[in-house]
Amino acid sequence: MDRFLSSFSGRSSSQKILIVVFGSAILLLFLTLSYFLTTPSQNNGQNLTGNAVSPSSIPLQTAKKTTFAGKPVPYANSYYSINYPDSFSYEEGQTSGGGTSLVLRPQSQDSSNAVIEIQTYDTSSVASQSAVENVFAAFGYQKSQITIFNTPGVEYKGLISNGGVSLRETAVIFTYQNRIYKLQLTYSGRTENIDAEQVFQKIVAGFKPSSGY
C-alpha cells in the first residue's frame, strides 16, 4: 500500500486523473455485476403449469389509449336488448347449433384488446347451462351466484398466464325461457382493466332478454 501511495504521489496531474477515472470505472463495473448476480428475479405472475412468468416478456402498453366512455347506444335483436357506449363498434354472427353472437370492441384499441361477446344458445342444441359453464370451470375460475333480469345466473372470473401472455375473463351465464345466454369480457393484462370491467357490468345490468320468440 505504501509503495502504491509513493508511486501515485510521484505521478503527474494528468496521470493521477486517468488513474482515478479508470479505478472508478472498475469499481462501478464490479458493483453492477455484484447486484445482478445477487438480486433474485421477481415472479408476480400466475400460469397453468406453475412456471415463472417473466415481467419483461409481457407486451408494453402502446401509446394509443382505448376509449371506453361514450353515450349509450341501444341495440336489439330477436333475443335481447342492451345499451353499449358509442365508442364501441359491433359485429353480428352465429354460433354452432343456430345460436347468435354479438361482438363489441372499442373503436380505438390498445394492447389490452378488450372484447365483449354476447352469445345465445337454444336448449335444444345445447344439453344444459352447465355445458356452457364447463370451459370456465375447467380453468378453475372463481364462481359466484348473480341475478340478471330477475333471473338467477352464475359469474366466472379468472386469469390465465402462460408463455408470457396474461388473459383475463369474466363470464355471466344464465337461462331464460329455454334459451341460454352468455355475456363474456376478455382482455389482455395481469391487473384488472377497471374501465372495461365497468362497461361490461353496465351492459350486464341493463341486459333484457326478449319474450315470445
Protein backbone atom coordinates (compact mmCIF):
# COMPACT_ATOMS: atom_id res chain seq x y z
CA MET A 1 0.00 0.00 0.00
CA ASP A 2 2.87 2.41 0.95
CA ARG A 3 4.59 1.66 -2.35
CA PHE A 4 1.36 2.42 -4.25
CA LEU A 5 0.90 5.75 -2.44
CA SER A 6 4.53 6.70 -3.02
CA SER A 7 4.27 5.81 -6.70
CA PHE A 8 0.91 7.63 -7.03
CA SER A 9 2.22 10.83 -5.43
CA GLY A 10 5.08 10.89 -7.94
CA ARG A 11 2.74 10.90 -10.93
CA SER A 12 1.85 13.97 -12.95
CA SER A 13 -1.61 15.58 -12.57
CA SER A 14 -2.90 14.13 -15.84
CA GLN A 15 -1.71 10.65 -14.89
CA LYS A 16 -3.39 10.93 -11.47
CA ILE A 17 -6.71 11.86 -13.15
CA LEU A 18 -6.51 8.89 -15.53
CA ILE A 19 -5.76 6.51 -12.65
CA VAL A 20 -8.73 7.81 -10.62
CA VAL A 21 -11.14 7.60 -13.57
CA PHE A 22 -10.01 4.09 -14.51
CA GLY A 23 -10.27 2.90 -10.92
CA SER A 24 -13.77 4.36 -10.54
CA ALA A 25 -14.92 2.61 -13.72
CA ILE A 26 -13.59 -0.74 -12.49
CA LEU A 27 -15.38 -0.26 -9.13
CA LEU A 28 -18.68 0.67 -10.80
CA LEU A 29 -18.50 -2.37 -13.08
CA PHE A 30 -17.84 -4.63 -10.11
CA LEU A 31 -20.80 -3.22 -8.16
CA THR A 32 -23.11 -3.63 -11.16
CA LEU A 33 -22.13 -7.27 -11.69
CA SER A 34 -22.50 -7.94 -7.99
CA TYR A 35 -26.05 -6.52 -7.99
CA PHE A 36 -27.28 -8.65 -10.91
CA LEU A 37 -25.68 -11.81 -9.55
CA THR A 38 -27.13 -11.46 -6.06
CA THR A 39 -30.59 -9.95 -6.73
CA PRO A 40 -33.35 -12.58 -7.20
CA SER A 41 -35.66 -12.20 -10.19
CA GLN A 42 -39.25 -11.15 -9.49
CA ASN A 43 -42.11 -13.61 -10.06
CA ASN A 44 -45.51 -12.00 -9.70
CA GLY A 45 -47.30 -13.90 -12.48
CA GLN A 46 -49.53 -16.95 -12.46
CA ASN A 47 -49.75 -19.67 -15.07
CA LEU A 48 -51.36 -23.00 -15.65
CA THR A 49 -48.17 -25.01 -15.46
CA GLY A 50 -46.63 -23.32 -12.44
CA ASN A 51 -43.67 -21.93 -14.40
CA ALA A 52 -42.48 -18.40 -13.70
CA VAL A 53 -43.68 -15.65 -15.99
CA SER A 54 -41.04 -13.04 -16.74
CA PRO A 55 -42.39 -9.47 -16.40
CA SER A 56 -40.19 -8.38 -19.32
CA SER A 57 -42.00 -10.82 -21.62
CA ILE A 58 -45.35 -9.04 -21.17
CA PRO A 59 -46.02 -6.58 -24.04
CA LEU A 60 -45.84 -2.93 -23.00
CA GLN A 61 -48.86 -0.68 -23.41
CA THR A 62 -48.90 1.21 -26.66
CA ALA A 63 -49.32 4.97 -26.82
CA LYS A 64 -52.78 4.53 -28.35
CA LYS A 65 -55.29 4.51 -25.49
CA THR A 66 -58.60 2.65 -25.53
CA THR A 67 -61.73 4.78 -25.18
CA PHE A 68 -64.44 3.14 -23.07
CA ALA A 69 -66.54 6.22 -22.36
CA GLY A 70 -69.37 7.44 -24.58
CA LYS A 71 -73.09 7.94 -24.94
CA PRO A 72 -75.26 4.81 -24.58
CA VAL A 73 -76.44 3.32 -27.87
CA PRO A 74 -79.41 0.91 -27.92
CA TYR A 75 -79.12 -2.44 -29.66
CA ALA A 76 -81.81 -5.10 -30.01
CA ASN A 77 -82.34 -8.40 -31.82
CA SER A 78 -84.87 -11.20 -31.56
CA TYR A 79 -83.47 -12.44 -28.25
CA TYR A 80 -82.37 -9.45 -26.17
CA SER A 81 -81.70 -5.72 -25.98
CA ILE A 82 -78.73 -3.83 -24.49
CA ASN A 83 -77.11 -0.40 -24.34
CA TYR A 84 -73.42 -0.03 -25.22
CA PRO A 85 -71.07 3.01 -25.47
CA ASP A 86 -70.96 4.78 -28.82
CA SER A 87 -67.15 4.47 -28.67
CA PHE A 88 -67.64 0.74 -29.42
CA SER A 89 -68.30 -0.99 -32.72
CA TYR A 90 -70.23 -4.25 -33.07
CA GLU A 91 -70.26 -7.30 -35.28
CA GLU A 92 -73.08 -9.84 -35.52
CA GLY A 93 -72.58 -13.53 -36.18
CA GLN A 94 -73.80 -17.03 -35.40
CA THR A 95 -72.60 -19.84 -33.18
CA SER A 96 -72.78 -23.56 -33.94
CA GLY A 97 -76.23 -25.02 -33.43
CA GLY A 98 -78.06 -21.93 -34.64
CA GLY A 99 -77.07 -19.61 -31.80
CA THR A 100 -76.30 -15.91 -32.15
CA SER A 101 -73.14 -13.92 -31.42
CA LEU A 102 -72.60 -10.20 -30.92
CA VAL A 103 -69.02 -8.92 -30.56
CA LEU A 104 -68.40 -5.42 -29.13
CA ARG A 105 -64.98 -3.76 -29.44
CA PRO A 106 -63.69 -0.26 -28.63
CA GLN A 107 -63.08 1.56 -31.90
CA SER A 108 -59.74 2.78 -30.50
CA GLN A 109 -57.74 -0.21 -29.20
CA ASP A 110 -54.57 -0.55 -27.14
CA SER A 111 -52.64 -3.70 -26.25
CA SER A 112 -55.38 -4.87 -23.84
CA ASN A 113 -57.53 -5.84 -26.89
CA ALA A 114 -60.73 -5.74 -24.83
CA VAL A 115 -63.67 -7.64 -26.33
CA ILE A 116 -67.22 -8.13 -25.06
CA GLU A 117 -69.14 -11.01 -26.64
CA ILE A 118 -72.77 -11.98 -26.12
CA GLN A 119 -73.83 -15.46 -27.23
CA THR A 120 -77.20 -17.19 -27.11
CA TYR A 121 -77.91 -20.92 -27.36
CA ASP A 122 -81.15 -22.80 -27.81
CA THR A 123 -81.54 -25.50 -25.16
CA SER A 124 -82.45 -27.92 -27.96
CA SER A 125 -78.89 -27.60 -29.37
CA VAL A 126 -77.00 -27.34 -26.05
CA ALA A 127 -77.62 -30.00 -23.43
CA SER A 128 -77.69 -27.63 -20.46
CA GLN A 129 -76.31 -24.43 -18.99
CA SER A 130 -73.62 -26.46 -17.25
CA ALA A 131 -72.29 -27.49 -20.68
CA VAL A 132 -71.59 -23.79 -21.38
CA GLU A 133 -70.06 -23.33 -17.93
CA ASN A 134 -67.71 -26.32 -18.19
CA VAL A 135 -64.91 -24.49 -20.02
CA PHE A 136 -64.68 -21.82 -17.30
CA ALA A 137 -64.91 -24.39 -14.51
CA ALA A 138 -62.10 -26.36 -16.16
CA PHE A 139 -59.80 -23.33 -15.91
CA GLY A 140 -60.57 -23.08 -12.20
CA TYR A 141 -62.19 -19.64 -12.46
CA GLN A 142 -63.87 -18.18 -9.40
CA LYS A 143 -67.62 -18.82 -9.48
CA SER A 144 -70.34 -16.75 -7.83
CA GLN A 145 -74.13 -16.52 -7.96
CA ILE A 146 -75.73 -13.42 -9.50
CA THR A 147 -79.12 -12.24 -10.77
CA ILE A 148 -79.76 -10.92 -14.30
CA PHE A 149 -83.20 -9.59 -15.27
CA ASN A 150 -84.66 -11.14 -12.09
CA THR A 151 -83.23 -14.48 -13.22
CA PRO A 152 -80.61 -16.49 -11.28
CA GLY A 153 -77.29 -16.96 -13.03
CA VAL A 154 -73.58 -17.51 -12.42
CA GLU A 155 -70.48 -15.37 -12.91
CA TYR A 156 -66.99 -16.71 -13.59
CA LYS A 157 -63.85 -14.59 -13.18
CA GLY A 158 -60.31 -15.72 -13.80
CA LEU A 159 -56.79 -15.10 -15.06
CA ILE A 160 -54.69 -17.29 -17.35
CA SER A 161 -50.95 -16.60 -17.71
CA ASN A 162 -48.75 -18.75 -19.87
CA GLY A 163 -45.91 -18.20 -22.30
CA GLY A 164 -45.56 -14.54 -21.34
CA VAL A 165 -49.23 -13.73 -22.11
CA SER A 166 -51.84 -12.91 -19.47
CA LEU A 167 -55.55 -13.12 -20.25
CA ARG A 168 -58.42 -12.02 -18.01
CA GLU A 169 -62.01 -13.18 -18.46
CA THR A 170 -65.37 -12.50 -16.85
CA ALA A 171 -68.40 -14.51 -17.99
CA VAL A 172 -72.05 -14.24 -16.95
CA ILE A 173 -74.26 -17.22 -17.84
CA PHE A 174 -77.98 -17.75 -17.25
CA THR A 175 -81.04 -19.43 -18.78
CA TYR A 176 -84.26 -17.61 -19.65
CA GLN A 177 -87.28 -19.14 -21.40
CA ASN A 178 -85.46 -22.16 -22.85
CA ARG A 179 -82.53 -20.08 -24.08
CA ILE A 180 -79.03 -19.93 -22.59
CA TYR A 181 -77.23 -16.57 -22.51
CA LYS A 182 -73.51 -15.98 -22.10
CA LEU A 183 -72.05 -12.49 -21.71
CA GLN A 184 -68.25 -12.52 -21.70
CA LEU A 185 -65.50 -9.91 -21.27
CA THR A 186 -61.94 -10.79 -22.38
CA TYR A 187 -58.79 -8.67 -22.37
CA SER A 188 -55.02 -8.93 -22.00
CA GLY A 189 -53.25 -7.90 -18.79
CA ARG A 190 -52.36 -9.13 -15.33
CA THR A 191 -54.29 -6.45 -13.47
CA GLU A 192 -57.98 -5.65 -13.85
CA ASN A 193 -58.93 -3.14 -16.53
CA ILE A 194 -61.35 -1.07 -14.44
CA ASP A 195 -62.81 0.82 -17.42
CA ALA A 196 -63.55 -2.36 -19.37
CA GLU A 197 -65.00 -4.07 -16.28
CA GLN A 198 -67.33 -1.12 -15.63
CA VAL A 199 -68.63 -1.09 -19.21
CA PHE A 200 -69.23 -4.83 -19.02
CA GLN A 201 -71.10 -4.55 -15.70
CA LYS A 202 -73.32 -1.77 -17.12
CA ILE A 203 -74.19 -3.95 -20.12
CA VAL A 204 -74.99 -6.86 -17.80
CA ALA A 205 -77.10 -4.65 -15.51
CA GLY A 206 -79.16 -3.33 -18.45
CA PHE A 207 -79.47 -6.66 -20.29
CA LYS A 208 -83.09 -7.51 -21.18
CA PRO A 209 -83.99 -10.87 -22.75
CA SER A 210 -86.86 -10.79 -25.22
CA SER A 211 -90.05 -12.75 -24.67
CA GLY A 212 -92.17 -14.62 -27.14
CA TYR A 213 -89.53 -15.95 -29.55
